[in-house]
Amino acid sequence: MDAERPRGEGADILDERSRDRIQSIERGVEVLRAFNSRQGPLSVADIAARVDLARPVVRRILLTFAHLGYAESAGGLWSLTPRILELGSGYFASSSLPEISYGYMVDLVERTGETCSIGVLDGMDVIHVARVEDRRPLPDSVRIGNRLPAHATAIGKVLLARLSDAELDALLANAPLEVHTPATVTDAERLRARLADVRANQYDISMEELHPGQVAAAVPIVIDGRAVGGLAVSSTTVRETEESLRDVIIPVLFATAADIASAYRNANPQLFRAGAR
């Protein structure tokens, strides 16, 4: 999300024309999102409970996806097929942030010996859109497409810090700050103070705020004052300390984020023309 710009015109149009939304498509998307977990195949009852729809409605949606080749059923359990990847292929085009960032992320992993991720903000969640693992995989490893709580992650906090006060207030008014570890910031005022420091320093270091024993450092990827994503290195308390993250990892993150921002801007000049939104 953009820290400086107001709420997007597109969102206003959608609100004004809510009568034009197609409910069946909204329900279909909700059924697809029900599969966004580490669990295996799901029953119709499982999905109906997750999306709060009647079982017959869920069954018809699944049968439609099966007809299109995006879902399949075995033994009464449903799963998505590899064809579902077609729906996200446009995002990973040659000029996309993940595609452009990949080479820089590989270099970052080689230089630091740690896992690297890029995430974007979606409400009070971070969606991971790119990741390069070190040879030593982390426990609770994050996959592309996974959502993590912004208030408990380094990427999340550097992106929340780019928001205006009004945008942040709106998010905090509607999202509980859940506890993940004893170090998680769950008080809204404490989080605002933390984000003020992040805004001043332009980086965040998260020490065991999401998972015990795991740490991360992150910086925003900024183009023309707009944060297009956050870049992070993740590790464990066995390998990194707060001091090593600040003194060794953060400078490399800043340099890499600048390289990614330059490459992404050059590949997408239409997105960053003077006055463009």
C-alpha atoms as a PDB file:
ATOM      1  CA  MET A   1       0.000   0.000   0.000  1.00  0.00           C
ATOM      2  CA  ASP A   2       1.045   3.569  -0.592  1.00  0.00           C
ATOM      3  CA  ALA A   3       1.871   5.651   2.472  1.00  0.00           C
ATOM      4  CA  GLU A   4       1.318   9.038   0.838  1.00  0.00           C
ATOM      5  CA  ARG A   5      -1.631   8.537  -1.446  1.00  0.00           C
ATOM      6  CA  PRO A   6      -5.250   8.429  -0.246  1.00  0.00           C
ATOM      7  CA  ARG A   7      -7.557   5.496  -0.554  1.00  0.00           C
ATOM      8  CA  GLY A   8      -7.597   4.384  -4.176  1.00  0.00           C
ATOM      9  CA  GLU A   9     -10.239   5.590  -6.598  1.00  0.00           C
ATOM     10  CA  GLY A  10     -10.897   2.003  -7.663  1.00  0.00           C
ATOM     11  CA  ALA A  11     -11.969   1.067  -4.148  1.00  0.00           C
ATOM     12  CA  ASP A  12     -14.377   4.015  -4.063  1.00  0.00           C
ATOM     13  CA  ILE A  13     -15.890   2.940  -7.368  1.00  0.00           C
ATOM     14  CA  LEU A  14     -16.396  -0.597  -6.078  1.00  0.00           C
ATOM     15  CA  ASP A  15     -18.137   0.733  -2.977  1.00  0.00           C
ATOM     16  CA  GLU A  16     -20.400   2.987  -5.022  1.00  0.00           C
ATOM     17  CA  ARG A  17     -21.309   0.206  -7.425  1.00  0.00           C
ATOM     18  CA  SER A  18     -21.702  -2.651  -4.975  1.00  0.00           C
ATOM     19  CA  ARG A  19     -24.931  -3.563  -6.738  1.00  0.00           C
ATOM     20  CA  ASP A  20     -22.856  -4.421  -9.818  1.00  0.00           C
ATOM     21  CA  ARG A  21     -20.762  -7.039  -8.035  1.00  0.00           C
ATOM     22  CA  ILE A  22     -21.456 -10.656  -9.008  1.00  0.00           C
ATOM     23  CA  GLN A  23     -22.146 -12.600  -5.838  1.00  0.00           C
ATOM     24  CA  SER A  24     -21.508 -15.997  -7.397  1.00  0.00           C
ATOM     25  CA  ILE A  25     -17.974 -14.943  -8.332  1.00  0.00           C
ATOM     26  CA  GLU A  26     -17.360 -13.626  -4.825  1.00  0.00           C
ATOM     27  CA  ARG A  27     -18.493 -16.956  -3.412  1.00  0.00           C
ATOM     28  CA  GLY A  28     -16.289 -18.854  -5.840  1.00  0.00           C
ATOM     29  CA  VAL A  29     -13.246 -16.869  -4.793  1.00  0.00           C
ATOM     30  CA  GLU A  30     -14.020 -17.536  -1.133  1.00  0.00           C
ATOM     31  CA  VAL A  31     -14.145 -21.274  -1.851  1.00  0.00           C
ATOM     32  CA  LEU A  32     -10.751 -21.073  -3.590  1.00  0.00           C
ATOM     33  CA  ARG A  33      -9.308 -19.216  -0.604  1.00  0.00           C
ATOM     34  CA  ALA A  34     -10.501 -21.970   1.711  1.00  0.00           C
ATOM     35  CA  PHE A  35      -7.650 -24.078   0.340  1.00  0.00           C
ATOM     36  CA  ASN A  36      -5.061 -21.498   1.453  1.00  0.00           C
ATOM     37  CA  SER A  37      -3.607 -23.558   4.306  1.00  0.00           C
ATOM     38  CA  ARG A  38      -1.125 -26.315   4.976  1.00  0.00           C
ATOM     39  CA  GLN A  39      -3.888 -28.863   5.302  1.00  0.00           C
ATOM     40  CA  GLY A  40      -4.497 -31.500   2.678  1.00  0.00           C
ATOM     41  CA  PRO A  41      -7.699 -32.110   0.704  1.00  0.00           C
ATOM     42  CA  LEU A  42     -10.920 -30.771   2.213  1.00  0.00           C
ATOM     43  CA  SER A  43     -14.455 -32.094   2.380  1.00  0.00           C
ATOM     44  CA  VAL A  44     -17.463 -30.058   1.291  1.00  0.00           C
ATOM     45  CA  ALA A  45     -18.391 -29.736   4.960  1.00  0.00           C
ATOM     46  CA  ASP A  46     -14.908 -28.417   5.820  1.00  0.00           C
ATOM     47  CA  ILE A  47     -15.084 -25.775   3.108  1.00  0.00           C
ATOM     48  CA  ALA A  48     -18.678 -24.805   3.916  1.00  0.00           C
ATOM     49  CA  ALA A  49     -17.669 -24.181   7.535  1.00  0.00           C
ATOM     50  CA  ARG A  50     -14.686 -22.075   6.510  1.00  0.00           C
ATOM     51  CA  VAL A  51     -16.573 -19.831   4.101  1.00  0.00           C
ATOM     52  CA  ASP A  52     -19.933 -19.817   5.907  1.00  0.00           C
ATOM     53  CA  LEU A  53     -21.926 -21.069   2.922  1.00  0.00           C
ATOM     54  CA  ALA A  54     -24.461 -23.843   2.611  1.00  0.00           C
ATOM     55  CA  ARG A  55     -23.052 -27.208   1.561  1.00  0.00           C
ATOM     56  CA  PRO A  56     -25.113 -27.427  -1.648  1.00  0.00           C
ATOM     57  CA  VAL A  57     -23.767 -24.032  -2.720  1.00  0.00           C
ATOM     58  CA  VAL A  58     -20.172 -25.107  -2.022  1.00  0.00           C
ATOM     59  CA  ARG A  59     -20.738 -28.377  -3.874  1.00  0.00           C
ATOM     60  CA  ARG A  60     -22.002 -26.582  -7.003  1.00  0.00           C
ATOM     61  CA  ILE A  61     -19.041 -24.197  -6.930  1.00  0.00           C
ATOM     62  CA  LEU A  62     -16.594 -27.099  -6.610  1.00  0.00           C
ATOM     63  CA  LEU A  63     -18.264 -28.980  -9.462  1.00  0.00           C
ATOM     64  CA  THR A  64     -17.938 -25.860 -11.602  1.00  0.00           C
ATOM     65  CA  PHE A  65     -14.231 -25.580 -10.809  1.00  0.00           C
ATOM     66  CA  ALA A  66     -13.834 -29.291 -11.554  1.00  0.00           C
ATOM     67  CA  HIS A  67     -15.508 -28.782 -14.952  1.00  0.00           C
ATOM     68  CA  LEU A  68     -13.007 -25.979 -15.655  1.00  0.00           C
ATOM     69  CA  GLY A  69     -10.090 -28.150 -14.547  1.00  0.00           C
ATOM     70  CA  TYR A  70      -9.188 -26.177 -11.424  1.00  0.00           C
ATOM     71  CA  ALA A  71     -10.355 -28.685  -8.785  1.00  0.00           C
ATOM     72  CA  GLU A  72     -10.715 -32.426  -8.388  1.00  0.00           C
ATOM     73  CA  SER A  73     -12.314 -34.839  -5.946  1.00  0.00           C
ATOM     74  CA  ALA A  74     -11.126 -38.198  -4.632  1.00  0.00           C
ATOM     75  CA  GLY A  75     -12.814 -40.196  -1.900  1.00  0.00           C
ATOM     76  CA  GLY A  76     -15.133 -37.307  -1.050  1.00  0.00           C
ATOM     77  CA  LEU A  77     -12.249 -34.877  -0.501  1.00  0.00           C
ATOM     78  CA  TRP A  78     -11.482 -31.917  -2.738  1.00  0.00           C
ATOM     79  CA  SER A  79      -8.181 -30.370  -3.774  1.00  0.00           C
ATOM     80  CA  LEU A  80      -6.986 -27.853  -6.335  1.00  0.00           C
ATOM     81  CA  THR A  81      -5.181 -28.960  -9.491  1.00  0.00           C
ATOM     82  CA  PRO A  82      -1.941 -27.499 -10.868  1.00  0.00           C
ATOM     83  CA  ARG A  83      -4.048 -25.666 -13.429  1.00  0.00           C
ATOM     84  CA  ILE A  84      -5.017 -23.215 -10.673  1.00  0.00           C
ATOM     85  CA  LEU A  85      -1.561 -21.682 -11.121  1.00  0.00           C
ATOM     86  CA  GLU A  86      -2.790 -20.169 -14.387  1.00  0.00           C
ATOM     87  CA  LEU A  87      -4.855 -17.699 -12.389  1.00  0.00           C
ATOM     88  CA  GLY A  88      -1.751 -16.167 -10.805  1.00  0.00           C
ATOM     89  CA  SER A  89       0.568 -16.367 -13.781  1.00  0.00           C
ATOM     90  CA  GLY A  90      -0.104 -12.786 -14.845  1.00  0.00           C
ATOM     91  CA  TYR A  91       1.215 -11.475 -11.536  1.00  0.00           C
ATOM     92  CA  PHE A  92       4.481 -13.321 -12.099  1.00  0.00           C
ATOM     93  CA  ALA A  93       5.060 -11.869 -15.566  1.00  0.00           C
ATOM     94  CA  SER A  94       8.517 -10.713 -16.617  1.00  0.00           C
ATOM     95  CA  SER A  95       7.948  -7.171 -15.330  1.00  0.00           C
ATOM     96  CA  SER A  96       6.451  -8.198 -11.981  1.00  0.00           C
ATOM     97  CA  LEU A  97       8.079  -7.507  -8.639  1.00  0.00           C
ATOM     98  CA  PRO A  98       8.774 -11.212  -7.864  1.00  0.00           C
ATOM     99  CA  GLU A  99      10.289 -11.895 -11.288  1.00  0.00           C
ATOM    100  CA  ILE A 100      12.508  -8.813 -11.268  1.00  0.00           C
ATOM    101  CA  SER A 101      13.588  -9.389  -7.675  1.00  0.00           C
ATOM    102  CA  TYR A 102      14.608 -13.021  -7.972  1.00  0.00           C
ATOM    103  CA  GLY A 103      18.221 -12.522  -9.082  1.00  0.00           C
ATOM    104  CA  TYR A 104      18.816  -9.876  -6.438  1.00  0.00           C
ATOM    105  CA  MET A 105      17.333 -12.154  -3.794  1.00  0.00           C
ATOM    106  CA  VAL A 106      19.610 -15.026  -4.806  1.00  0.00           C
ATOM    107  CA  ASP A 107      22.591 -12.709  -4.421  1.00  0.00           C
ATOM    108  CA  LEU A 108      21.291 -11.533  -1.044  1.00  0.00           C
ATOM    109  CA  VAL A 109      21.021 -15.126   0.196  1.00  0.00           C
ATOM    110  CA  GLU A 110      24.559 -15.854  -0.986  1.00  0.00           C
ATOM    111  CA  ARG A 111      25.907 -12.755   0.776  1.00  0.00           C
ATOM    112  CA  THR A 112      24.099 -13.289   4.069  1.00  0.00           C
ATOM    113  CA  GLY A 113      23.655 -17.056   4.229  1.00  0.00           C
ATOM    114  CA  GLU A 114      20.038 -16.485   5.277  1.00  0.00           C
ATOM    115  CA  THR A 115      16.584 -16.892   3.738  1.00  0.00           C
ATOM    116  CA  CYS A 116      15.130 -13.902   1.882  1.00  0.00           C
ATOM    117  CA  SER A 117      11.486 -12.913   1.274  1.00  0.00           C
ATOM    118  CA  ILE A 118       9.429 -10.176  -0.336  1.00  0.00           C
ATOM    119  CA  GLY A 119       5.947  -9.382   0.916  1.00  0.00           C
ATOM    120  CA  VAL A 120       3.175  -6.916   0.155  1.00  0.00           C
ATOM    121  CA  LEU A 121       0.595  -5.503   2.529  1.00  0.00           C
ATOM    122  CA  ASP A 122      -3.041  -6.606   2.361  1.00  0.00           C
ATOM    123  CA  GLY A 123      -4.952  -5.047   5.235  1.00  0.00           C
ATOM    124  CA  MET A 124      -3.298  -6.231   8.432  1.00  0.00           C
ATOM    125  CA  ASP A 125      -1.672  -9.182   6.681  1.00  0.00           C
ATOM    126  CA  VAL A 126       1.470  -9.610   4.642  1.00  0.00           C
ATOM    127  CA  ILE A 127       1.242 -11.782   1.536  1.00  0.00           C
ATOM    128  CA  HIS A 128       4.566 -13.329   0.596  1.00  0.00           C
ATOM    129  CA  VAL A 129       5.088 -13.017  -3.155  1.00  0.00           C
ATOM    130  CA  ALA A 130       8.718 -14.149  -3.484  1.00  0.00           C
ATOM    131  CA  ARG A 131      11.106 -16.233  -1.398  1.00  0.00           C
ATOM    132  CA  VAL A 132      14.588 -17.703  -1.785  1.00  0.00           C
ATOM    133  CA  GLU A 133      15.619 -20.253   0.829  1.00  0.00           C
ATOM    134  CA  ASP A 134      19.073 -20.698   2.265  1.00  0.00           C
ATOM    135  CA  ARG A 135      20.512 -24.230   2.321  1.00  0.00           C
ATOM    136  CA  ARG A 136      19.375 -24.402   5.954  1.00  0.00           C
ATOM    137  CA  PRO A 137      15.563 -24.202   5.769  1.00  0.00           C
ATOM    138  CA  LEU A 138      13.756 -22.540   8.621  1.00  0.00           C
ATOM    139  CA  PRO A 139      11.126 -24.255  10.740  1.00  0.00           C
ATOM    140  CA  ASP A 140       7.586 -23.137   9.855  1.00  0.00           C
ATOM    141  CA  SER A 141       8.883 -22.178   6.425  1.00  0.00           C
ATOM    142  CA  VAL A 142       6.738 -19.669   4.530  1.00  0.00           C
ATOM    143  CA  ARG A 143       5.478 -20.454   1.053  1.00  0.00           C
ATOM    144  CA  ILE A 144       4.677 -17.995  -1.718  1.00  0.00           C
ATOM    145  CA  GLY A 145       1.092 -16.885  -1.226  1.00  0.00           C
ATOM    146  CA  ASN A 146       1.091 -17.399   2.544  1.00  0.00           C
ATOM    147  CA  ARG A 147      -0.390 -14.650   4.680  1.00  0.00           C
ATOM    148  CA  LEU A 148       1.249 -13.616   7.953  1.00  0.00           C
ATOM    149  CA  PRO A 149       0.130 -11.009  10.511  1.00  0.00           C
ATOM    150  CA  ALA A 150       1.683  -7.646   9.731  1.00  0.00           C
ATOM    151  CA  HIS A 151       1.972  -6.554  13.365  1.00  0.00           C
ATOM    152  CA  ALA A 152       4.111  -9.608  14.226  1.00  0.00           C
ATOM    153  CA  THR A 153       6.481  -9.548  11.244  1.00  0.00           C
ATOM    154  CA  ALA A 154       9.342  -7.300  10.186  1.00  0.00           C
ATOM    155  CA  ILE A 155       8.016  -6.943   6.630  1.00  0.00           C
ATOM    156  CA  GLY A 156       4.603  -6.072   7.994  1.00  0.00           C
ATOM    157  CA  LYS A 157       5.881  -3.340  10.243  1.00  0.00           C
ATOM    158  CA  VAL A 158       8.007  -1.628   7.581  1.00  0.00           C
ATOM    159  CA  LEU A 159       4.934  -1.537   5.324  1.00  0.00           C
ATOM    160  CA  LEU A 160       2.543  -0.427   8.068  1.00  0.00           C
ATOM    161  CA  ALA A 161       4.993   2.361   8.865  1.00  0.00           C
ATOM    162  CA  ARG A 162       4.534   3.708   5.325  1.00  0.00           C
ATOM    163  CA  LEU A 163       0.799   4.236   5.848  1.00  0.00           C
ATOM    164  CA  SER A 164      -0.761   7.568   6.719  1.00  0.00           C
ATOM    165  CA  ASP A 165      -2.135   7.997  10.242  1.00  0.00           C
ATOM    166  CA  ALA A 166      -5.688   7.781   8.875  1.00  0.00           C
ATOM    167  CA  GLU A 167      -4.994   4.537   6.996  1.00  0.00           C
ATOM    168  CA  LEU A 168      -3.323   2.990  10.026  1.00  0.00           C
ATOM    169  CA  ASP A 169      -6.155   4.061  12.332  1.00  0.00           C
ATOM    170  CA  ALA A 170      -8.696   2.455  10.005  1.00  0.00           C
ATOM    171  CA  LEU A 171      -6.802  -0.833   9.984  1.00  0.00           C
ATOM    172  CA  LEU A 172      -6.264  -0.946  13.736  1.00  0.00           C
ATOM    173  CA  ALA A 173      -9.921  -0.164  14.393  1.00  0.00           C
ATOM    174  CA  ASN A 174     -11.022  -3.357  12.638  1.00  0.00           C
ATOM    175  CA  ALA A 175      -8.231  -5.852  13.271  1.00  0.00           C
ATOM    176  CA  PRO A 176      -7.367  -7.460  16.623  1.00  0.00           C
ATOM    177  CA  LEU A 177      -3.650  -7.740  17.336  1.00  0.00           C
ATOM    178  CA  GLU A 178      -3.356 -11.414  18.153  1.00  0.00           C
ATOM    179  CA  VAL A 179      -0.698 -12.874  20.448  1.00  0.00           C
ATOM    180  CA  HIS A 180       1.775 -15.231  18.775  1.00  0.00           C
ATOM    181  CA  THR A 181       4.639 -15.181  21.289  1.00  0.00           C
ATOM    182  CA  PRO A 182       5.390 -13.244  24.493  1.00  0.00           C
ATOM    183  CA  ALA A 183       7.265 -10.725  22.307  1.00  0.00           C
ATOM    184  CA  THR A 184       4.329  -9.927  20.005  1.00  0.00           C
ATOM    185  CA  VAL A 185       3.176  -6.305  20.170  1.00  0.00           C
ATOM    186  CA  THR A 186      -0.558  -6.532  20.847  1.00  0.00           C
ATOM    187  CA  ASP A 187      -1.337  -3.039  22.163  1.00  0.00           C
ATOM    188  CA  ALA A 188      -2.328  -0.524  19.497  1.00  0.00           C
ATOM    189  CA  GLU A 189      -0.545   2.408  21.115  1.00  0.00           C
ATOM    190  CA  ARG A 190       2.656   0.404  21.573  1.00  0.00           C
ATOM    191  CA  LEU A 191       2.435  -0.630  17.933  1.00  0.00           C
ATOM    192  CA  ARG A 192       2.028   2.991  16.839  1.00  0.00           C
ATOM    193  CA  ALA A 193       5.131   3.923  18.848  1.00  0.00           C
ATOM    194  CA  ARG A 194       7.047   1.026  17.315  1.00  0.00           C
ATOM    195  CA  LEU A 195       5.979   2.084  13.816  1.00  0.00           C
ATOM    196  CA  ALA A 196       7.130   5.646  14.503  1.00  0.00           C
ATOM    197  CA  ASP A 197      10.612   4.269  15.189  1.00  0.00           C
ATOM    198  CA  VAL A 198      10.432   2.124  12.054  1.00  0.00           C
ATOM    199  CA  ARG A 199       9.405   5.152  10.016  1.00  0.00           C
ATOM    200  CA  ALA A 200      12.387   7.103  11.339  1.00  0.00           C
ATOM    201  CA  ASN A 201      14.905   4.287  10.869  1.00  0.00           C
ATOM    202  CA  GLN A 202      13.425   2.835   7.645  1.00  0.00           C
ATOM    203  CA  TYR A 203      13.878  -0.737   8.903  1.00  0.00           C
ATOM    204  CA  ASP A 204      12.478  -3.167  11.462  1.00  0.00           C
ATOM    205  CA  ILE A 205      14.007  -6.028  13.406  1.00  0.00           C
ATOM    206  CA  SER A 206      11.630  -8.656  14.754  1.00  0.00           C
ATOM    207  CA  MET A 207      12.973 -10.850  17.537  1.00  0.00           C
ATOM    208  CA  GLU A 208      10.770 -13.912  18.135  1.00  0.00           C
ATOM    209  CA  GLU A 209       7.556 -11.925  17.612  1.00  0.00           C
ATOM    210  CA  LEU A 210       5.865 -14.507  15.377  1.00  0.00           C
ATOM    211  CA  HIS A 211       7.572 -17.804  16.225  1.00  0.00           C
ATOM    212  CA  PRO A 212       9.851 -18.646  19.167  1.00  0.00           C
ATOM    213  CA  GLY A 213      13.463 -18.851  18.082  1.00  0.00           C
ATOM    214  CA  GLN A 214      12.919 -17.025  14.785  1.00  0.00           C
ATOM    215  CA  VAL A 215      14.121 -13.529  13.919  1.00  0.00           C
ATOM    216  CA  ALA A 216      13.904 -11.248  10.896  1.00  0.00           C
ATOM    217  CA  ALA A 217      15.005  -7.879   9.575  1.00  0.00           C
ATOM    218  CA  ALA A 218      13.200  -5.933   6.845  1.00  0.00           C
ATOM    219  CA  VAL A 219      13.299  -2.729   4.822  1.00  0.00           C
ATOM    220  CA  PRO A 220      10.740  -1.248   2.419  1.00  0.00           C
ATOM    221  CA  ILE A 221      11.206  -1.286  -1.349  1.00  0.00           C
ATOM    222  CA  VAL A 222      10.411   2.329  -2.152  1.00  0.00           C
ATOM    223  CA  ILE A 223       9.872   3.985  -5.534  1.00  0.00           C
ATOM    224  CA  ASP A 224       9.012   7.686  -5.738  1.00  0.00           C
ATOM    225  CA  GLY A 225       7.940   7.651  -2.094  1.00  0.00           C
ATOM    226  CA  ARG A 226       5.713   4.608  -2.585  1.00  0.00           C
ATOM    227  CA  ALA A 227       6.417   1.268  -0.885  1.00  0.00           C
ATOM    228  CA  VAL A 228       5.800  -1.449  -3.484  1.00  0.00           C
ATOM    229  CA  GLY A 229       6.810  -4.202  -1.061  1.00  0.00           C
ATOM    230  CA  GLY A 230       9.040  -5.163   1.825  1.00  0.00           C
ATOM    231  CA  LEU A 231      12.305  -7.098   1.666  1.00  0.00           C
ATOM    232  CA  ALA A 232      13.315  -9.293   4.598  1.00  0.00           C
ATOM    233  CA  VAL A 233      15.955 -11.710   5.786  1.00  0.00           C
ATOM    234  CA  SER A 234      14.787 -14.428   8.182  1.00  0.00           C
ATOM    235  CA  SER A 235      16.901 -16.524  10.512  1.00  0.00           C
ATOM    236  CA  THR A 236      17.023 -18.046  13.986  1.00  0.00           C
ATOM    237  CA  THR A 237      18.358 -16.942  17.349  1.00  0.00           C
ATOM    238  CA  VAL A 238      21.063 -19.582  16.950  1.00  0.00           C
ATOM    239  CA  ARG A 239      22.512 -17.824  13.898  1.00  0.00           C
ATOM    240  CA  GLU A 240      21.668 -14.140  14.344  1.00  0.00           C
ATOM    241  CA  THR A 241      21.377 -11.586  17.138  1.00  0.00           C
ATOM    242  CA  GLU A 242      19.656  -8.227  17.113  1.00  0.00           C
ATOM    243  CA  GLU A 243      23.094  -6.614  16.765  1.00  0.00           C
ATOM    244  CA  SER A 244      24.159  -8.775  13.814  1.00  0.00           C
ATOM    245  CA  LEU A 245      20.866  -8.135  12.062  1.00  0.00           C
ATOM    246  CA  ARG A 246      21.239  -4.382  12.547  1.00  0.00           C
ATOM    247  CA  ASP A 247      24.958  -4.075  11.798  1.00  0.00           C
ATOM    248  CA  VAL A 248      25.466  -6.727   9.106  1.00  0.00           C
ATOM    249  CA  ILE A 249      22.113  -7.650   7.521  1.00  0.00           C
ATOM    250  CA  ILE A 250      20.337  -4.284   7.389  1.00  0.00           C
ATOM    251  CA  PRO A 251      22.992  -2.548   5.215  1.00  0.00           C
ATOM    252  CA  VAL A 252      22.804  -5.400   2.684  1.00  0.00           C
ATOM    253  CA  LEU A 253      19.006  -5.199   2.717  1.00  0.00           C
ATOM    254  CA  PHE A 254      19.089  -1.459   2.023  1.00  0.00           C
ATOM    255  CA  ALA A 255      21.428  -1.918  -0.933  1.00  0.00           C
ATOM    256  CA  THR A 256      19.412  -4.795  -2.373  1.00  0.00           C
ATOM    257  CA  ALA A 257      16.087  -2.996  -1.929  1.00  0.00           C
ATOM    258  CA  ALA A 258      17.494   0.007  -3.806  1.00  0.00           C
ATOM    259  CA  ASP A 259      18.628  -2.238  -6.676  1.00  0.00           C
ATOM    260  CA  ILE A 260      15.239  -3.945  -6.847  1.00  0.00           C
ATOM    261  CA  ALA A 261      13.413  -0.600  -6.773  1.00  0.00           C
ATOM    262  CA  SER A 262      15.521   0.743  -9.637  1.00  0.00           C
ATOM    263  CA  ALA A 263      15.043  -2.386 -11.760  1.00  0.00           C
ATOM    264  CA  TYR A 264      11.302  -2.518 -11.079  1.00  0.00           C
ATOM    265  CA  ARG A 265      10.854   1.149 -11.936  1.00  0.00           C
ATOM    266  CA  ASN A 266      12.787   0.771 -15.178  1.00  0.00           C
ATOM    267  CA  ALA A 267      10.713  -2.269 -16.163  1.00  0.00           C
ATOM    268  CA  ASN A 268       7.410  -0.520 -15.426  1.00  0.00           C
ATOM    269  CA  PRO A 269       7.742   3.130 -16.449  1.00  0.00           C
ATOM    270  CA  GLN A 270       3.985   3.362 -17.033  1.00  0.00           C
ATOM    271  CA  LEU A 271       3.392   2.800 -13.314  1.00  0.00           C
ATOM    272  CA  PHE A 272       5.672   5.607 -12.186  1.00  0.00           C
ATOM    273  CA  ARG A 273       5.102   8.437 -14.629  1.00  0.00           C
ATOM    274  CA  ALA A 274       4.816  11.858 -13.054  1.00  0.00           C
ATOM    275  CA  GLY A 275       1.370  12.067 -11.516  1.00  0.00           C
ATOM    276  CA  ALA A 276       0.551   8.397 -12.249  1.00  0.00           C
ATOM    277  CA  ARG A 277      -1.370   6.377  -9.664  1.00  0.00           C
END
